[in-house]
Full PDB file with SEQRES, HELIX, SHEET, SSBOND, CRYST1, ORIGX, SCALE, CONECT and MASTER records, all heavy atoms in Angstrom:
SEQRES   1 A   36  ILE ALA ALA LYS SER THR HIS LYS SER LEU PHE PRO PRO          
SEQRES   2 A   36  SER THR ASP PRO TYR ALA LYS ALA LEU VAL ARG LEU GLN          
SEQRES   3 A   36  SER ASP HIS ILE SER ARG THR LEU VAL PRO                      
HELIX    1 AA1 ALA A    2  LYS A    4  5                                   3    
HELIX    2 AA2 PRO A   17  HIS A   29  1                                  13    
HELIX    3 AA3 ILE A   30  LEU A   34  3                                   5    
CRYST1    1.000    1.000    1.000  90.00  90.00  90.00 P 1           1          
ORIGX1      1.000000  0.000000  0.000000        0.00000                         
ORIGX2      0.000000  1.000000  0.000000        0.00000                         
ORIGX3      0.000000  0.000000  1.000000        0.00000                         
SCALE1      1.000000  0.000000  0.000000        0.00000                         
SCALE2      0.000000  1.000000  0.000000        0.00000                         
SCALE3      0.000000  0.000000  1.000000        0.00000                         
ATOM      1  N   ILE A   1     181.990 384.066 170.834  1.00  0.00           N  
ATOM      2  CA  ILE A   1     183.110 384.676 171.600  1.00  0.00           C  
ATOM      3  C   ILE A   1     184.389 383.910 171.198  1.00  0.00           C  
ATOM      4  O   ILE A   1     185.449 384.557 170.962  1.00  0.00           O  
ATOM      5  CB  ILE A   1     182.776 384.625 173.083  1.00  0.00           C  
ATOM      6  CG1 ILE A   1     181.655 385.549 173.434  1.00  0.00           C  
ATOM      7  CG2 ILE A   1     184.070 385.027 173.843  1.00  0.00           C  
ATOM      8  CD1 ILE A   1     181.917 387.058 173.130  1.00  0.00           C  
ATOM      9  N   ALA A   2     184.321 382.582 171.288  1.00  0.00           N  
ATOM     10  CA  ALA A   2     185.540 381.800 171.013  1.00  0.00           C  
ATOM     11  C   ALA A   2     186.081 382.000 169.597  1.00  0.00           C  
ATOM     12  O   ALA A   2     187.308 381.946 169.430  1.00  0.00           O  
ATOM     13  CB  ALA A   2     185.304 380.356 171.310  1.00  0.00           C  
ATOM     14  N   ALA A   3     185.199 382.176 168.690  1.00  0.00           N  
ATOM     15  CA  ALA A   3     185.585 382.348 167.307  1.00  0.00           C  
ATOM     16  C   ALA A   3     186.517 383.547 167.133  1.00  0.00           C  
ATOM     17  O   ALA A   3     187.416 383.657 166.226  1.00  0.00           O  
ATOM     18  CB  ALA A   3     184.411 382.482 166.375  1.00  0.00           C  
ATOM     19  N   LYS A   4     186.317 384.571 167.948  1.00  0.00           N  
ATOM     20  CA  LYS A   4     187.132 385.787 167.872  1.00  0.00           C  
ATOM     21  C   LYS A   4     188.279 385.841 168.870  1.00  0.00           C  
ATOM     22  O   LYS A   4     189.082 386.805 168.771  1.00  0.00           O  
ATOM     23  CB  LYS A   4     186.240 386.985 168.132  1.00  0.00           C  
ATOM     24  CG  LYS A   4     185.027 387.184 167.168  1.00  0.00           C  
ATOM     25  CD  LYS A   4     184.182 388.312 167.521  1.00  0.00           C  
ATOM     26  CE  LYS A   4     183.029 388.466 166.587  1.00  0.00           C  
ATOM     27  NZ  LYS A   4     182.158 389.613 166.973  1.00  0.00           N  
ATOM     28  N   SER A   5     188.323 384.906 169.741  1.00  0.00           N  
ATOM     29  CA  SER A   5     189.314 384.913 170.768  1.00  0.00           C  
ATOM     30  C   SER A   5     190.234 383.680 170.893  1.00  0.00           C  
ATOM     31  O   SER A   5     191.417 383.718 170.382  1.00  0.00           O  
ATOM     32  CB  SER A   5     188.682 385.239 172.173  1.00  0.00           C  
ATOM     33  OG  SER A   5     187.748 384.223 172.470  1.00  0.00           O  
ATOM     34  N   THR A   6     189.687 382.567 171.297  1.00  0.00           N  
ATOM     35  CA  THR A   6     190.478 381.369 171.498  1.00  0.00           C  
ATOM     36  C   THR A   6     190.566 380.509 170.171  1.00  0.00           C  
ATOM     37  O   THR A   6     191.413 379.609 170.108  1.00  0.00           O  
ATOM     38  CB  THR A   6     189.913 380.475 172.602  1.00  0.00           C  
ATOM     39  OG1 THR A   6     188.605 380.017 172.217  1.00  0.00           O  
ATOM     40  CG2 THR A   6     189.825 381.254 173.896  1.00  0.00           C  
ATOM     41  N   HIS A   7     189.652 380.807 169.231  1.00  0.00           N  
ATOM     42  CA  HIS A   7     189.551 380.120 167.947  1.00  0.00           C  
ATOM     43  C   HIS A   7     189.349 378.579 168.136  1.00  0.00           C  
ATOM     44  O   HIS A   7     189.850 377.771 167.379  1.00  0.00           O  
ATOM     45  CB  HIS A   7     190.840 380.348 167.126  1.00  0.00           C  
ATOM     46  CG  HIS A   7     191.192 381.762 166.985  1.00  0.00           C  
ATOM     47  ND1 HIS A   7     190.430 382.618 166.216  1.00  0.00           N  
ATOM     48  CD2 HIS A   7     192.149 382.576 167.504  1.00  0.00           C  
ATOM     49  CE1 HIS A   7     190.916 383.910 166.237  1.00  0.00           C  
ATOM     50  NE2 HIS A   7     192.010 383.858 167.035  1.00  0.00           N  
ATOM     51  N   LYS A   8     188.547 378.258 169.142  1.00  0.00           N  
ATOM     52  CA  LYS A   8     188.200 376.881 169.348  1.00  0.00           C  
ATOM     53  C   LYS A   8     186.649 376.848 169.056  1.00  0.00           C  
ATOM     54  O   LYS A   8     185.958 377.813 169.184  1.00  0.00           O  
ATOM     55  CB  LYS A   8     188.418 376.461 170.808  1.00  0.00           C  
ATOM     56  CG  LYS A   8     189.929 376.459 171.166  1.00  0.00           C  
ATOM     57  CD  LYS A   8     190.151 375.712 172.431  1.00  0.00           C  
ATOM     58  CE  LYS A   8     189.961 374.240 172.271  1.00  0.00           C  
ATOM     59  NZ  LYS A   8     190.363 373.362 173.392  1.00  0.00           N  
ATOM     60  N   SER A   9     186.171 375.633 168.682  1.00  0.00           N  
ATOM     61  CA  SER A   9     184.761 375.483 168.394  1.00  0.00           C  
ATOM     62  C   SER A   9     184.293 373.997 168.683  1.00  0.00           C  
ATOM     63  O   SER A   9     185.090 373.100 168.632  1.00  0.00           O  
ATOM     64  CB  SER A   9     184.500 375.753 166.868  1.00  0.00           C  
ATOM     65  OG  SER A   9     183.132 375.459 166.578  1.00  0.00           O  
ATOM     66  N   LEU A  10     183.058 373.947 169.070  1.00  0.00           N  
ATOM     67  CA  LEU A  10     182.478 372.586 169.356  1.00  0.00           C  
ATOM     68  C   LEU A  10     181.825 372.065 168.072  1.00  0.00           C  
ATOM     69  O   LEU A  10     181.396 370.868 168.178  1.00  0.00           O  
ATOM     70  CB  LEU A  10     181.392 372.755 170.425  1.00  0.00           C  
ATOM     71  CG  LEU A  10     181.880 373.072 171.850  1.00  0.00           C  
ATOM     72  CD1 LEU A  10     180.767 373.653 172.701  1.00  0.00           C  
ATOM     73  CD2 LEU A  10     182.511 371.797 172.504  1.00  0.00           C  
ATOM     74  N   PHE A  11     181.850 372.813 167.022  1.00  0.00           N  
ATOM     75  CA  PHE A  11     181.206 372.325 165.806  1.00  0.00           C  
ATOM     76  C   PHE A  11     182.259 371.816 164.830  1.00  0.00           C  
ATOM     77  O   PHE A  11     183.485 372.124 164.887  1.00  0.00           O  
ATOM     78  CB  PHE A  11     180.444 373.434 165.162  1.00  0.00           C  
ATOM     79  CG  PHE A  11     179.153 373.750 165.776  1.00  0.00           C  
ATOM     80  CD1 PHE A  11     178.884 374.885 166.522  1.00  0.00           C  
ATOM     81  CD2 PHE A  11     178.000 372.940 165.572  1.00  0.00           C  
ATOM     82  CE1 PHE A  11     177.689 375.154 167.067  1.00  0.00           C  
ATOM     83  CE2 PHE A  11     176.752 373.116 166.157  1.00  0.00           C  
ATOM     84  CZ  PHE A  11     176.648 374.249 166.899  1.00  0.00           C  
ATOM     85  N   PRO A  12     181.830 371.024 163.823  1.00  0.00           N  
ATOM     86  CA  PRO A  12     182.729 370.656 162.714  1.00  0.00           C  
ATOM     87  C   PRO A  12     183.182 371.955 161.981  1.00  0.00           C  
ATOM     88  O   PRO A  12     182.513 373.013 162.124  1.00  0.00           O  
ATOM     89  CB  PRO A  12     181.865 369.821 161.792  1.00  0.00           C  
ATOM     90  CG  PRO A  12     180.767 369.345 162.656  1.00  0.00           C  
ATOM     91  CD  PRO A  12     180.468 370.437 163.678  1.00  0.00           C  
ATOM     92  N   PRO A  13     184.176 371.895 161.143  1.00  0.00           N  
ATOM     93  CA  PRO A  13     184.692 373.036 160.428  1.00  0.00           C  
ATOM     94  C   PRO A  13     183.556 373.707 159.608  1.00  0.00           C  
ATOM     95  O   PRO A  13     182.729 373.032 159.096  1.00  0.00           O  
ATOM     96  CB  PRO A  13     185.778 372.495 159.554  1.00  0.00           C  
ATOM     97  CG  PRO A  13     186.236 371.245 160.154  1.00  0.00           C  
ATOM     98  CD  PRO A  13     185.027 370.693 160.881  1.00  0.00           C  
ATOM     99  N   SER A  14     183.648 374.999 159.490  1.00  0.00           N  
ATOM    100  CA  SER A  14     182.580 375.668 158.709  1.00  0.00           C  
ATOM    101  C   SER A  14     182.647 375.392 157.184  1.00  0.00           C  
ATOM    102  O   SER A  14     181.665 375.577 156.532  1.00  0.00           O  
ATOM    103  CB  SER A  14     182.771 377.237 158.869  1.00  0.00           C  
ATOM    104  OG  SER A  14     184.084 377.563 158.385  1.00  0.00           O  
ATOM    105  N   THR A  15     183.711 374.671 156.831  1.00  0.00           N  
ATOM    106  CA  THR A  15     183.775 374.201 155.357  1.00  0.00           C  
ATOM    107  C   THR A  15     182.856 372.987 155.149  1.00  0.00           C  
ATOM    108  O   THR A  15     182.759 372.604 154.043  1.00  0.00           O  
ATOM    109  CB  THR A  15     185.257 373.902 155.053  1.00  0.00           C  
ATOM    110  OG1 THR A  15     185.744 372.940 156.037  1.00  0.00           O  
ATOM    111  CG2 THR A  15     186.139 375.086 155.040  1.00  0.00           C  
ATOM    112  N   ASP A  16     182.353 372.463 156.223  1.00  0.00           N  
ATOM    113  CA  ASP A  16     181.401 371.258 156.065  1.00  0.00           C  
ATOM    114  C   ASP A  16     180.032 371.630 156.675  1.00  0.00           C  
ATOM    115  O   ASP A  16     179.726 371.127 157.777  1.00  0.00           O  
ATOM    116  CB  ASP A  16     182.035 370.079 156.762  1.00  0.00           C  
ATOM    117  CG  ASP A  16     181.319 368.800 156.333  1.00  0.00           C  
ATOM    118  OD1 ASP A  16     180.238 368.863 155.789  1.00  0.00           O  
ATOM    119  OD2 ASP A  16     181.903 367.696 156.615  1.00  0.00           O  
ATOM    120  N   PRO A  17     179.245 372.420 156.009  1.00  0.00           N  
ATOM    121  CA  PRO A  17     177.991 372.813 156.600  1.00  0.00           C  
ATOM    122  C   PRO A  17     177.014 371.611 156.789  1.00  0.00           C  
ATOM    123  O   PRO A  17     176.158 371.636 157.682  1.00  0.00           O  
ATOM    124  CB  PRO A  17     177.381 373.803 155.559  1.00  0.00           C  
ATOM    125  CG  PRO A  17     178.072 373.494 154.315  1.00  0.00           C  
ATOM    126  CD  PRO A  17     179.495 373.034 154.717  1.00  0.00           C  
ATOM    127  N   TYR A  18     177.115 370.602 156.015  1.00  0.00           N  
ATOM    128  CA  TYR A  18     176.287 369.427 156.220  1.00  0.00           C  
ATOM    129  C   TYR A  18     176.585 368.683 157.536  1.00  0.00           C  
ATOM    130  O   TYR A  18     175.644 368.371 158.285  1.00  0.00           O  
ATOM    131  CB  TYR A  18     176.361 368.406 155.008  1.00  0.00           C  
ATOM    132  CG  TYR A  18     175.437 367.251 155.141  1.00  0.00           C  
ATOM    133  CD1 TYR A  18     174.078 367.428 154.975  1.00  0.00           C  
ATOM    134  CD2 TYR A  18     175.920 365.974 155.492  1.00  0.00           C  
ATOM    135  CE1 TYR A  18     173.218 366.314 155.110  1.00  0.00           C  
ATOM    136  CE2 TYR A  18     175.108 364.820 155.630  1.00  0.00           C  
ATOM    137  CZ  TYR A  18     173.744 365.125 155.455  1.00  0.00           C  
ATOM    138  OH  TYR A  18     172.904 363.996 155.517  1.00  0.00           O  
ATOM    139  N   ALA A  19     177.889 368.614 157.839  1.00  0.00           N  
ATOM    140  CA  ALA A  19     178.204 368.008 159.127  1.00  0.00           C  
ATOM    141  C   ALA A  19     177.701 368.852 160.256  1.00  0.00           C  
ATOM    142  O   ALA A  19     177.204 368.236 161.367  1.00  0.00           O  
ATOM    143  CB  ALA A  19     179.759 367.829 159.182  1.00  0.00           C  
ATOM    144  N   LYS A  20     177.725 370.121 160.134  1.00  0.00           N  
ATOM    145  CA  LYS A  20     177.243 370.965 161.224  1.00  0.00           C  
ATOM    146  C   LYS A  20     175.680 370.803 161.382  1.00  0.00           C  
ATOM    147  O   LYS A  20     175.197 370.720 162.442  1.00  0.00           O  
ATOM    148  CB  LYS A  20     177.504 372.417 160.923  1.00  0.00           C  
ATOM    149  CG  LYS A  20     177.078 373.402 162.028  1.00  0.00           C  
ATOM    150  CD  LYS A  20     177.590 374.835 161.760  1.00  0.00           C  
ATOM    151  CE  LYS A  20     177.140 375.741 162.913  1.00  0.00           C  
ATOM    152  NZ  LYS A  20     177.620 377.148 162.694  1.00  0.00           N  
ATOM    153  N   ALA A  21     174.979 370.658 160.233  1.00  0.00           N  
ATOM    154  CA  ALA A  21     173.575 370.435 160.262  1.00  0.00           C  
ATOM    155  C   ALA A  21     173.231 369.054 160.888  1.00  0.00           C  
ATOM    156  O   ALA A  21     172.218 369.013 161.682  1.00  0.00           O  
ATOM    157  CB  ALA A  21     172.996 370.453 158.795  1.00  0.00           C  
ATOM    158  N   LEU A  22     174.046 368.073 160.683  1.00  0.00           N  
ATOM    159  CA  LEU A  22     173.814 366.777 161.407  1.00  0.00           C  
ATOM    160  C   LEU A  22     173.961 366.945 162.915  1.00  0.00           C  
ATOM    161  O   LEU A  22     173.186 366.375 163.719  1.00  0.00           O  
ATOM    162  CB  LEU A  22     174.752 365.773 160.893  1.00  0.00           C  
ATOM    163  CG  LEU A  22     174.533 365.252 159.420  1.00  0.00           C  
ATOM    164  CD1 LEU A  22     175.615 364.176 159.093  1.00  0.00           C  
ATOM    165  CD2 LEU A  22     173.211 364.725 159.227  1.00  0.00           C  
ATOM    166  N   VAL A  23     174.913 367.761 163.359  1.00  0.00           N  
ATOM    167  CA  VAL A  23     175.059 368.019 164.756  1.00  0.00           C  
ATOM    168  C   VAL A  23     173.842 368.706 165.299  1.00  0.00           C  
ATOM    169  O   VAL A  23     173.474 368.474 166.462  1.00  0.00           O  
ATOM    170  CB  VAL A  23     176.394 368.841 164.989  1.00  0.00           C  
ATOM    171  CG1 VAL A  23     176.422 369.286 166.470  1.00  0.00           C  
ATOM    172  CG2 VAL A  23     177.589 368.011 164.653  1.00  0.00           C  
ATOM    173  N   ARG A  24     173.332 369.630 164.548  1.00  0.00           N  
ATOM    174  CA  ARG A  24     172.153 370.416 164.948  1.00  0.00           C  
ATOM    175  C   ARG A  24     170.935 369.404 165.124  1.00  0.00           C  
ATOM    176  O   ARG A  24     170.139 369.567 166.023  1.00  0.00           O  
ATOM    177  CB  ARG A  24     171.792 371.482 163.997  1.00  0.00           C  
ATOM    178  CG  ARG A  24     172.713 372.706 164.029  1.00  0.00           C  
ATOM    179  CD  ARG A  24     172.561 373.423 165.297  1.00  0.00           C  
ATOM    180  NE  ARG A  24     173.222 374.745 165.290  1.00  0.00           N  
ATOM    181  CZ  ARG A  24     173.345 375.590 166.335  1.00  0.00           C  
ATOM    182  NH1 ARG A  24     172.882 375.172 167.521  1.00  0.00           N  
ATOM    183  NH2 ARG A  24     173.947 376.701 166.223  1.00  0.00           N  
ATOM    184  N   LEU A  25     170.899 368.412 164.207  1.00  0.00           N  
ATOM    185  CA  LEU A  25     169.819 367.439 164.354  1.00  0.00           C  
ATOM    186  C   LEU A  25     170.011 366.593 165.630  1.00  0.00           C  
ATOM    187  O   LEU A  25     169.049 366.315 166.322  1.00  0.00           O  
ATOM    188  CB  LEU A  25     169.801 366.404 163.150  1.00  0.00           C  
ATOM    189  CG  LEU A  25     169.304 367.022 161.861  1.00  0.00           C  
ATOM    190  CD1 LEU A  25     169.451 366.004 160.710  1.00  0.00           C  
ATOM    191  CD2 LEU A  25     167.751 367.357 162.042  1.00  0.00           C  
ATOM    192  N   GLN A  26     171.254 366.244 165.935  1.00  0.00           N  
ATOM    193  CA  GLN A  26     171.497 365.574 167.183  1.00  0.00           C  
ATOM    194  C   GLN A  26     171.094 366.460 168.425  1.00  0.00           C  
ATOM    195  O   GLN A  26     170.382 365.934 169.322  1.00  0.00           O  
ATOM    196  CB  GLN A  26     172.974 365.284 167.303  1.00  0.00           C  
ATOM    197  CG  GLN A  26     173.543 364.345 166.289  1.00  0.00           C  
ATOM    198  CD  GLN A  26     175.031 364.390 166.147  1.00  0.00           C  
ATOM    199  OE1 GLN A  26     175.708 365.056 166.932  1.00  0.00           O  
ATOM    200  NE2 GLN A  26     175.587 363.663 165.134  1.00  0.00           N  
ATOM    201  N   SER A  27     171.403 367.646 168.392  1.00  0.00           N  
ATOM    202  CA  SER A  27     171.108 368.573 169.480  1.00  0.00           C  
ATOM    203  C   SER A  27     169.571 368.752 169.628  1.00  0.00           C  
ATOM    204  O   SER A  27     169.039 368.829 170.733  1.00  0.00           O  
ATOM    205  CB  SER A  27     171.746 369.943 169.297  1.00  0.00           C  
ATOM    206  OG  SER A  27     171.419 370.868 170.277  1.00  0.00           O  
ATOM    207  N   ASP A  28     168.906 368.845 168.485  1.00  0.00           N  
ATOM    208  CA  ASP A  28     167.445 369.020 168.468  1.00  0.00           C  
ATOM    209  C   ASP A  28     166.770 367.713 169.072  1.00  0.00           C  
ATOM    210  O   ASP A  28     165.825 367.936 169.979  1.00  0.00           O  
ATOM    211  CB  ASP A  28     166.910 369.226 167.048  1.00  0.00           C  
ATOM    212  CG  ASP A  28     165.430 369.424 166.998  1.00  0.00           C  
ATOM    213  OD1 ASP A  28     164.947 370.523 167.335  1.00  0.00           O  
ATOM    214  OD2 ASP A  28     164.671 368.515 166.655  1.00  0.00           O  
ATOM    215  N   HIS A  29     167.205 366.621 168.822  1.00  0.00           N  
ATOM    216  CA  HIS A  29     166.725 365.397 169.470  1.00  0.00           C  
ATOM    217  C   HIS A  29     166.954 365.409 170.965  1.00  0.00           C  
ATOM    218  O   HIS A  29     165.965 364.983 171.774  1.00  0.00           O  
ATOM    219  CB  HIS A  29     167.297 364.108 168.779  1.00  0.00           C  
ATOM    220  CG  HIS A  29     167.060 362.890 169.571  1.00  0.00           C  
ATOM    221  ND1 HIS A  29     165.766 362.292 169.499  1.00  0.00           N  
ATOM    222  CD2 HIS A  29     167.779 362.078 170.379  1.00  0.00           C  
ATOM    223  CE1 HIS A  29     165.756 361.169 170.277  1.00  0.00           C  
ATOM    224  NE2 HIS A  29     167.013 361.052 170.877  1.00  0.00           N  
ATOM    225  N   ILE A  30     168.077 365.821 171.405  1.00  0.00           N  
ATOM    226  CA  ILE A  30     168.407 365.876 172.786  1.00  0.00           C  
ATOM    227  C   ILE A  30     167.447 366.755 173.495  1.00  0.00           C  
ATOM    228  O   ILE A  30     166.875 366.392 174.557  1.00  0.00           O  
ATOM    229  CB  ILE A  30     169.841 366.339 173.020  1.00  0.00           C  
ATOM    230  CG1 ILE A  30     170.847 365.339 172.475  1.00  0.00           C  
ATOM    231  CG2 ILE A  30     170.164 366.610 174.493  1.00  0.00           C  
ATOM    232  CD1 ILE A  30     172.219 365.835 172.231  1.00  0.00           C  
ATOM    233  N   SER A  31     167.243 367.968 172.985  1.00  0.00           N  
ATOM    234  CA  SER A  31     166.419 368.912 173.637  1.00  0.00           C  
ATOM    235  C   SER A  31     164.870 368.568 173.664  1.00  0.00           C  
ATOM    236  O   SER A  31     164.210 368.737 174.592  1.00  0.00           O  
ATOM    237  CB  SER A  31     166.548 370.296 173.023  1.00  0.00           C  
ATOM    238  OG  SER A  31     167.907 370.768 173.236  1.00  0.00           O  
ATOM    239  N   ARG A  32     164.441 368.087 172.488  1.00  0.00           N  
ATOM    240  CA  ARG A  32     162.994 367.793 172.359  1.00  0.00           C  
ATOM    241  C   ARG A  32     162.537 366.525 172.946  1.00  0.00           C  
ATOM    242  O   ARG A  32     161.447 366.394 173.438  1.00  0.00           O  
ATOM    243  CB  ARG A  32     162.659 367.725 170.849  1.00  0.00           C  
ATOM    244  CG  ARG A  32     162.650 369.033 170.084  1.00  0.00           C  
ATOM    245  CD  ARG A  32     162.412 368.900 168.586  1.00  0.00           C  
ATOM    246  NE  ARG A  32     162.432 370.059 167.816  1.00  0.00           N  
ATOM    247  CZ  ARG A  32     161.432 370.883 167.570  1.00  0.00           C  
ATOM    248  NH1 ARG A  32     160.217 370.575 168.110  1.00  0.00           N  
ATOM    249  NH2 ARG A  32     161.596 371.998 166.869  1.00  0.00           N  
ATOM    250  N   THR A  33     163.511 365.496 172.909  1.00  0.00           N  
ATOM    251  CA  THR A  33     163.038 364.160 173.335  1.00  0.00           C  
ATOM    252  C   THR A  33     163.793 363.602 174.536  1.00  0.00           C  
ATOM    253  O   THR A  33     163.208 363.112 175.494  1.00  0.00           O  
ATOM    254  CB  THR A  33     163.255 363.240 172.086  1.00  0.00           C  
ATOM    255  OG1 THR A  33     162.544 363.830 170.996  1.00  0.00           O  
ATOM    256  CG2 THR A  33     162.766 361.818 172.448  1.00  0.00           C  
ATOM    257  N   LEU A  34     165.144 363.653 174.497  1.00  0.00           N  
ATOM    258  CA  LEU A  34     165.931 362.888 175.493  1.00  0.00           C  
ATOM    259  C   LEU A  34     165.793 363.570 176.833  1.00  0.00           C  
ATOM    260  O   LEU A  34     165.475 362.950 177.885  1.00  0.00           O  
ATOM    261  CB  LEU A  34     167.322 362.771 175.085  1.00  0.00           C  
ATOM    262  CG  LEU A  34     168.245 361.928 175.914  1.00  0.00           C  
ATOM    263  CD1 LEU A  34     169.354 361.201 175.048  1.00  0.00           C  
ATOM    264  CD2 LEU A  34     168.955 362.672 177.073  1.00  0.00           C  
ATOM    265  N   VAL A  35     165.971 364.892 176.891  1.00  0.00           N  
ATOM    266  CA  VAL A  35     165.895 365.582 178.171  1.00  0.00           C  
ATOM    267  C   VAL A  35     164.527 365.526 178.827  1.00  0.00           C  
ATOM    268  O   VAL A  35     164.447 365.133 180.112  1.00  0.00           O  
ATOM    269  CB  VAL A  35     166.352 367.077 178.059  1.00  0.00           C  
ATOM    270  CG1 VAL A  35     166.132 367.867 179.331  1.00  0.00           C  
ATOM    271  CG2 VAL A  35     167.864 367.100 177.704  1.00  0.00           C  
ATOM    272  N   PRO A  36     163.450 365.769 178.145  1.00  0.00           N  
ATOM    273  CA  PRO A  36     162.101 365.616 178.799  1.00  0.00           C  
ATOM    274  C   PRO A  36     161.872 364.076 179.303  1.00  0.00           C  
ATOM    275  O   PRO A  36     161.248 363.927 180.305  1.00  0.00           O  
ATOM    276  CB  PRO A  36     161.130 365.991 177.725  1.00  0.00           C  
ATOM    277  CG  PRO A  36     161.869 366.957 176.788  1.00  0.00           C  
ATOM    278  CD  PRO A  36     163.292 366.381 176.859  1.00  0.00           C  
TER     279      PRO A  36                                                      
MASTER        0    0    0    3    0    0    0    6  278    1    0    3          
END                                                                             
C-alpha cells in the first residue's frame, strides 16, 4: 500500500536485493526463535 501511496518502506532499496534478503533472515530468526 505504501509503495503506491506514501512511497515509504521498511526495507532497503529495491536496488539492493541482497540487503533485503538479509533483513528477511533477521525476520525469520525473530519469528522462528526469538518470539517463541
